[in-house]
Protein backbone atom coordinates (compact mmCIF):
# COMPACT_ATOMS: atom_id res chain seq x y z
CA MET A 1 161.79 304.02 77.91
CA SER A 2 163.18 301.91 80.74
CA THR A 3 165.27 303.53 83.44
CA LEU A 4 168.40 302.24 85.14
CA VAL A 5 168.40 302.27 88.93
CA PRO A 6 171.71 303.46 90.45
CA SER A 7 173.00 302.94 93.96
CA LEU A 8 173.79 306.50 95.09
CA VAL A 9 171.26 309.11 96.16
CA PRO A 10 171.50 312.93 95.89
CA ARG A 11 172.47 313.46 99.53
CA HIS A 12 175.68 311.48 98.90
CA TYR A 13 176.89 314.47 96.83
CA VAL A 14 176.42 317.08 99.55
CA ASP A 15 177.10 315.27 102.87
CA PRO A 16 180.58 316.02 104.33
CA GLY A 17 180.44 312.75 106.25
CA VAL A 18 179.97 310.76 103.06
CA TYR A 19 182.85 312.64 101.46
CA ALA A 20 185.09 311.83 104.44
CA ARG A 21 184.32 308.13 103.95
CA GLU A 22 185.01 308.43 100.23
CA VAL A 23 188.44 309.95 100.87
CA GLU A 24 189.50 306.80 102.71
CA SER A 25 187.52 304.04 101.00
CA VAL A 26 187.24 305.30 97.40
CA LEU A 27 190.00 307.81 96.71
CA ALA A 28 192.92 306.66 98.88
CA ALA A 29 192.07 303.00 98.25
CA ASN A 30 192.36 303.19 94.46
CA TRP A 31 194.70 304.47 91.73
CA LEU A 32 194.86 308.25 91.27
CA PRO A 33 196.70 310.14 88.51
CA VAL A 34 199.70 312.28 89.49
CA CYS A 35 200.99 313.22 86.04
CA ARG A 36 202.14 311.81 82.71
CA VAL A 37 205.54 310.14 82.44
CA ASP A 38 206.57 312.65 79.76
CA GLN A 39 206.07 315.46 82.29
CA LEU A 40 209.05 313.97 84.16
CA GLU A 41 211.32 314.47 81.20
CA ARG A 42 214.78 314.38 82.81
CA SER A 43 216.42 313.52 86.11
CA GLY A 44 215.30 316.06 88.72
CA SER A 45 211.96 316.78 87.02
CA ARG A 46 209.07 316.71 89.46
CA MET A 47 205.32 317.22 89.63
CA ALA A 48 203.59 317.94 92.94
CA VAL A 49 199.83 317.53 93.42
CA THR A 50 197.48 317.35 96.38
CA LEU A 51 195.12 314.39 96.18
CA ALA A 52 192.15 314.67 98.56
CA GLY A 53 194.32 316.39 101.17
CA ARG A 54 197.41 314.23 100.60
CA PRO A 55 200.36 316.19 99.14
CA VAL A 56 202.51 313.96 96.93
CA VAL A 57 205.30 314.55 94.44
CA ALA A 58 206.38 312.43 91.48
CA VAL A 59 210.08 312.72 90.66
CA ARG A 60 212.45 311.46 87.99
CA ASP A 61 215.55 310.06 89.70
CA GLY A 62 217.88 308.99 86.90
CA ASP A 63 216.03 306.24 85.05
CA SER A 64 213.56 305.73 87.91
CA VAL A 65 210.21 307.39 88.59
CA ARG A 66 209.20 307.68 92.23
CA VAL A 67 206.19 309.07 94.08
CA LEU A 68 207.03 310.49 97.50
CA ALA A 69 205.10 312.13 100.31
CA ASN A 70 205.46 315.88 99.80
CA VAL A 71 205.68 316.37 103.57
CA CYS A 72 208.85 317.15 105.50
CA ALA A 73 209.83 314.56 108.14
CA HIS A 74 210.76 317.43 110.49
CA ARG A 75 207.58 319.34 111.33
CA GLY A 76 205.22 318.28 108.56
CA SER A 77 205.53 321.25 106.22
CA MET A 78 204.81 320.73 102.54
CA LEU A 79 208.12 320.87 100.72
CA LEU A 80 206.81 321.98 97.33
CA ASP A 81 203.85 323.93 96.05
CA ASP A 82 201.65 322.04 93.62
CA GLY A 83 202.93 322.14 90.06
CA ALA A 84 205.99 321.29 87.99
CA GLY A 85 209.62 321.96 88.88
CA SER A 86 213.10 320.55 88.77
CA GLY A 87 216.16 320.19 90.96
CA SER A 88 218.68 317.66 92.17
CA THR A 89 217.29 317.75 95.73
CA LEU A 90 214.01 318.42 97.54
CA VAL A 91 214.40 321.19 100.10
CA CYS A 92 211.87 322.20 102.74
CA PRO A 93 211.42 326.00 102.75
CA TYR A 94 210.57 326.03 106.46
CA HIS A 95 213.95 325.04 108.00
CA ARG A 96 215.91 323.95 104.89
CA TRP A 97 215.92 320.24 105.60
CA SER A 98 216.94 318.62 102.33
CA TYR A 99 216.30 315.24 100.74
CA ARG A 100 217.65 313.23 97.82
CA LEU A 101 215.33 312.27 94.98
CA ASP A 102 214.91 308.84 96.56
CA GLY A 103 213.48 310.53 99.67
CA SER A 104 216.49 309.98 101.95
CA LEU A 105 217.56 312.84 104.21
CA ILE A 106 220.72 314.71 103.21
CA GLY A 107 220.96 317.12 106.08
CA ALA A 108 219.30 319.41 108.58
CA PRO A 109 220.95 322.78 109.36
CA LEU A 110 222.16 323.48 112.91
CA SER A 111 221.23 319.98 114.06
CA ASP A 112 224.56 318.45 115.04
CA GLY A 113 224.07 315.70 117.56
CA ALA A 114 220.38 315.17 116.85
CA ALA A 115 219.21 311.63 116.04
CA PHE A 116 217.59 311.45 112.60
CA GLU A 117 217.57 307.70 112.03
CA GLY A 118 214.69 306.77 109.73
CA ALA A 119 213.91 310.36 108.77
CA CYS A 120 212.95 310.39 105.08
CA LEU A 121 210.16 311.17 102.66
CA PRO A 122 207.99 308.03 102.54
CA ALA A 123 207.81 306.37 99.13
CA LEU A 124 204.24 305.73 98.00
CA ARG A 125 203.12 302.83 95.87
CA HIS A 126 202.92 303.86 92.25
CA ALA A 127 202.44 302.35 88.81
CA ILE A 128 202.75 303.52 85.23
CA TRP A 129 199.71 302.70 83.12
CA GLU A 130 199.17 303.95 79.55
CA GLY A 131 201.77 306.68 80.15
CA PHE A 132 200.14 307.91 83.39
CA VAL A 133 201.95 307.95 86.72
CA LEU A 134 199.38 306.61 89.18
CA VAL A 135 199.60 306.44 92.96
CA ASN A 136 197.74 304.23 95.41
CA LEU A 137 197.78 305.92 98.80
CA SER A 138 196.53 302.90 100.74
CA GLY A 139 199.11 300.65 99.08
CA ASP A 140 196.84 297.65 98.58
CA ALA A 141 194.85 298.23 95.36
CA PRO A 142 195.06 295.57 92.61
CA GLU A 143 197.51 296.40 89.83
CA PRO A 144 196.01 298.85 87.30
CA ALA A 145 197.16 296.72 84.35
CA GLU A 146 195.03 293.92 85.78
CA GLN A 147 192.01 296.05 86.70
CA MET A 148 191.91 298.00 83.45
CA ALA A 149 193.09 295.50 80.86
CA GLY A 150 189.83 295.91 78.96
CA LEU A 151 190.21 299.69 78.91
CA SER A 152 193.78 299.36 77.63
CA ASP A 153 192.45 297.24 74.75
CA GLU A 154 189.90 299.93 73.96
CA LEU A 155 192.53 302.72 74.04
CA ALA A 156 195.11 300.84 71.97
CA PRO A 157 194.31 302.54 68.61
CA TRP A 158 195.18 305.95 70.12
CA ARG A 159 198.50 304.80 71.60
CA TRP A 160 198.06 306.60 74.89
CA SER A 161 201.28 305.21 76.33
CA GLU A 162 203.25 307.21 73.73
CA MET A 163 201.46 310.57 74.03
CA VAL A 164 203.30 313.71 75.16
CA THR A 165 201.88 316.79 76.89
CA VAL A 166 201.76 320.08 74.98
CA ALA A 167 199.52 322.24 77.21
CA SER A 168 197.71 322.28 80.56
CA LYS A 169 195.10 324.60 82.07
CA PRO A 170 193.54 324.58 85.57
CA PHE A 171 189.92 325.30 86.52
CA GLN A 172 188.30 325.70 89.93
CA SER A 173 185.05 323.85 90.57
CA THR A 174 182.35 324.32 93.21
CA TRP A 175 180.55 320.99 93.02
CA ASN A 176 181.09 317.44 94.21
CA TRP A 177 183.80 315.43 92.46
CA LYS A 178 181.30 312.73 91.48
CA VAL A 179 179.23 315.28 89.54
CA MET A 180 182.32 316.06 87.45
CA VAL A 181 183.09 312.39 86.81
CA GLU A 182 179.51 311.56 85.88
CA ASN A 183 179.29 314.51 83.51
CA TRP A 184 182.36 313.18 81.67
CA ILE A 185 181.36 309.54 81.40
CA GLU A 186 178.11 310.13 79.51
CA CYS A 187 177.63 311.83 76.14
CA TYR A 188 173.86 312.12 76.50
CA HIS A 189 174.37 315.73 77.63
CA HIS A 190 175.70 316.73 74.20
CA LEU A 191 172.02 317.23 73.38
CA GLY A 192 171.61 320.03 75.90
CA THR A 193 174.82 321.34 77.43
CA HIS A 194 176.79 321.25 74.15
CA ARG A 195 173.88 321.75 71.80
CA GLU A 196 175.77 324.19 69.57
CA SER A 197 179.42 323.29 70.27
CA VAL A 198 179.65 319.47 70.21
CA GLU A 199 176.26 318.00 69.31
CA PRO A 200 176.35 319.18 65.66
CA TYR A 201 179.61 317.27 65.13
CA GLN A 202 179.42 314.36 67.61
CA PRO A 203 175.70 313.71 68.14
CA SER A 204 174.51 311.95 71.28
CA ARG A 205 172.48 309.51 69.22
CA THR A 206 175.67 307.96 67.77
CA THR A 207 177.10 307.00 71.20
CA ARG A 208 178.15 303.38 71.62
CA ILE A 209 178.97 302.25 75.16
CA VAL A 210 181.77 299.71 75.62
CA ASP A 211 181.02 296.80 77.94
CA SER A 212 183.43 297.08 80.90
CA ALA A 213 182.44 293.62 82.20
CA GLY A 214 182.27 295.04 85.71
CA GLY A 215 185.71 296.64 85.59
CA PRO A 216 186.41 299.97 87.33
CA TRP A 217 186.19 301.98 84.11
CA SER A 218 183.86 303.19 81.40
CA ALA A 219 184.37 303.94 77.72
CA MET A 220 182.26 305.26 74.86
CA ILE A 221 182.66 305.90 71.18
CA VAL A 222 180.77 308.76 69.53
CA ASP A 223 180.72 308.95 65.75
CA SER A 224 181.66 312.32 64.26
CA LEU A 225 180.28 313.80 61.08
CA ASP A 226 182.46 313.21 58.03
CA GLY A 227 185.16 315.86 57.66
CA VAL A 228 185.74 316.44 61.36
CA GLU A 229 188.63 313.97 61.35
CA GLY A 230 190.83 316.13 59.06
CA PRO A 231 193.26 314.86 56.40
CA ALA A 232 194.82 311.42 56.93
CA GLU A 233 198.36 312.78 57.12
CA GLU A 234 197.39 314.60 60.35
CA TRP A 235 196.06 311.53 62.11
CA MET A 236 197.98 309.86 64.89
CA PRO A 237 200.01 306.90 63.61
CA GLY A 238 198.01 303.69 63.45
CA ILE A 239 194.57 305.30 63.24
CA GLU A 240 192.58 303.41 60.62
CA PRO A 241 189.96 305.16 58.45
CA ASP A 242 187.11 303.44 60.27
CA ARG A 243 188.42 304.88 63.57
CA SER A 244 189.26 308.34 62.29
CA THR A 245 185.77 309.75 62.87
CA HIS A 246 185.54 308.40 66.42
CA LEU A 247 185.45 310.54 69.53
CA SER A 248 186.75 308.25 72.27
CA VAL A 249 185.63 309.19 75.80
CA TRP A 250 186.64 307.17 78.86
CA GLY A 251 187.10 307.19 82.60
CA ALA A 252 189.29 305.08 84.91
CA PHE A 253 187.60 305.15 88.30
CA PRO A 254 187.69 307.14 90.43
CA LEU A 255 189.33 310.29 89.00
CA LEU A 256 191.11 309.76 85.67
CA LEU A 257 189.10 311.08 82.71
CA GLY A 258 190.27 311.08 79.10
CA GLY A 259 189.34 311.30 75.47
CA SER A 260 190.81 311.47 71.98
CA VAL A 261 190.05 312.15 68.35
CA SER A 262 192.06 311.33 65.24
CA ARG A 263 194.67 314.09 65.77
CA TYR A 264 195.16 314.43 69.54
CA GLY A 265 194.07 313.41 73.00
CA PHE A 266 193.10 315.16 76.22
CA TRP A 267 192.65 314.19 79.84
CA LEU A 268 191.18 315.75 82.96
CA GLN A 269 192.93 315.60 86.31
CA VAL A 270 190.28 315.86 89.03
CA LEU A 271 191.70 316.97 92.40
CA PRO A 272 189.08 316.81 95.20
CA ILE A 273 189.36 319.38 97.98
CA ASP A 274 186.18 318.84 99.99
CA VAL A 275 182.58 317.77 99.50
CA ASP A 276 181.72 320.55 97.07
CA ARG A 277 185.07 321.77 95.75
CA HIS A 278 187.71 320.34 93.47
CA ASP A 279 190.19 321.52 90.90
CA VAL A 280 190.30 320.26 87.33
CA ILE A 281 193.38 320.45 85.12
CA TRP A 282 192.89 319.95 81.38
CA HIS A 283 195.88 318.45 79.57
CA LEU A 284 196.32 318.36 75.80
CA VAL A 285 198.46 315.46 74.53
CA VAL A 286 199.68 314.51 71.05
CA HIS A 287 201.71 311.73 69.51
CA PRO A 288 205.40 312.73 69.38
CA SER A 289 205.57 311.97 65.66
CA GLN A 290 202.95 314.70 65.10
CA ARG A 291 204.37 317.23 67.57
CA ASP A 292 205.60 319.58 64.84
CA ARG A 293 202.03 320.05 63.62
CA PHE A 294 201.06 321.66 66.92
CA ASP A 295 202.72 325.06 67.00
CA ALA A 296 201.85 327.70 69.60
CA ASP A 297 198.92 329.05 67.60
CA GLU A 298 197.40 325.62 67.04
CA VAL A 299 197.83 324.64 70.69
CA SER A 300 196.24 327.93 71.78
CA ARG A 301 193.32 327.37 69.40
CA LEU A 302 192.69 323.85 70.66
CA MET A 303 192.95 324.83 74.32
CA GLU A 304 190.52 327.68 73.74
CA MET A 305 188.09 325.28 72.09
CA LEU A 306 188.42 322.67 74.85
CA GLY A 307 188.14 325.40 77.48
CA GLY A 308 184.93 326.62 75.88
CA VAL A 309 183.43 323.14 76.03
CA HIS A 310 184.53 322.80 79.65
CA ALA A 311 182.95 326.16 80.51
CA GLU A 312 179.64 324.73 79.29
CA ASP A 313 180.20 321.65 81.46
CA MET A 314 181.05 323.84 84.45
CA ALA A 315 177.79 325.75 84.15
CA ALA A 316 175.87 322.47 83.91
CA CYS A 317 177.63 320.89 86.88
CA ALA A 318 177.02 323.98 89.04
CA ARG A 319 173.31 323.70 88.28
CA VAL A 320 173.35 320.01 89.18
CA GLN A 321 175.06 320.69 92.51
CA THR A 322 172.46 323.34 93.37
CA GLY A 323 169.68 320.87 92.61
CA LEU A 324 171.28 318.07 94.62
CA ALA A 325 171.77 320.38 97.61
CA SER A 326 168.15 321.58 97.51
CA GLY A 327 166.74 318.45 99.12
CA LEU A 328 163.97 318.47 96.50
CA ILE A 329 165.17 315.38 94.64
CA HIS A 330 165.61 312.07 96.46
CA GLU A 331 166.60 309.60 93.75
CA PHE A 332 168.06 309.48 90.26
CA ARG A 333 166.34 308.27 87.10
CA LEU A 334 168.82 307.46 84.37
CA ALA A 335 168.37 307.04 80.63
CA PRO A 336 169.99 304.14 78.72
CA LEU A 337 172.87 306.38 77.51
CA GLU A 338 173.71 306.91 81.20
CA SER A 339 174.31 303.25 82.04
CA THR A 340 177.94 304.26 82.61
CA ILE A 341 176.78 306.44 85.51
CA ALA A 342 174.86 303.55 87.02
CA ASP A 343 178.03 301.44 86.79
CA PHE A 344 180.10 304.18 88.43
CA GLN A 345 177.60 304.70 91.24
CA ARG A 346 177.42 300.98 92.00
CA TRP A 347 181.24 300.87 92.04
CA VAL A 348 181.43 303.76 94.53
CA VAL A 349 178.91 302.07 96.83
CA ALA A 350 180.85 298.81 96.63
CA GLN A 351 184.05 300.64 97.60
CA LEU A 352 182.33 302.28 100.55
CA GLY A 353 181.04 298.90 101.72
CA ARG A 354 184.32 297.01 101.54
């Protein structure tokens, strides 16, 4: 069996200096997910996240969605803890400086006579792609619709732009962010890691890799055994019978990971902290026309199932990180079903060398 030669080496997953370069040249320079549009349901809704050390907040301001720096213009305090919230203003808890939802300063207590010209929450470049609110911290990445047009074509049957969020669950991870991404964008590991949970229903051998034509994304289709798809009336609208048994798995580089089956979708929000730590938030999404089929018990059941699969991935990724940190392996040897990893690694190296 031939092997595919990647461009990264194991030390790139454990070196703090490499991670520091990635923060600037890979993470900040590209599109990162903040939330889904449906999570900003009404004016005043907000979602705060910290992306590789950069606190940001997405807000719904009337009909507009904005992404602002979640950092007070006064002394640099974070305004909001990470997570969802709502309110007509953004108020810093440190000294009660307050801002409108467009980032402009409303007032600063006990500051009569002080000059505050230009004080505001900086607006960050954002885009909405397939229902995701994305932010580009550097401000100069190509438009996601242009970069990921091929991925949008691949996702079209599952109507990602229409999905709504029904549950979310966070996990803490103690391995490099690239290990998490690479684990997601190959289904070869169904054979081992998910030997009893996923492999019996979506076997590795049925994986078909979509040609990304050099785009910053990967996508795969894994055929499920007949019966896994459930009755046709429970499928998302537009799913054809020949698609109903597909497990769709995809990644939009660097951090947006997703998948779907006939009835629902899911995505992983990877939030790097340092070279060997990141958080992952699992989100379960469904088509709004099928929302009534997902009551509290069904959502709990699905999240427990997805959490169980992720627990298996977490154990595998922890073992990988230990091996990479050991210094006993100096290069990767990839199987054909891991060509997506080779593509990802070459993309990361290209970003670092820009």
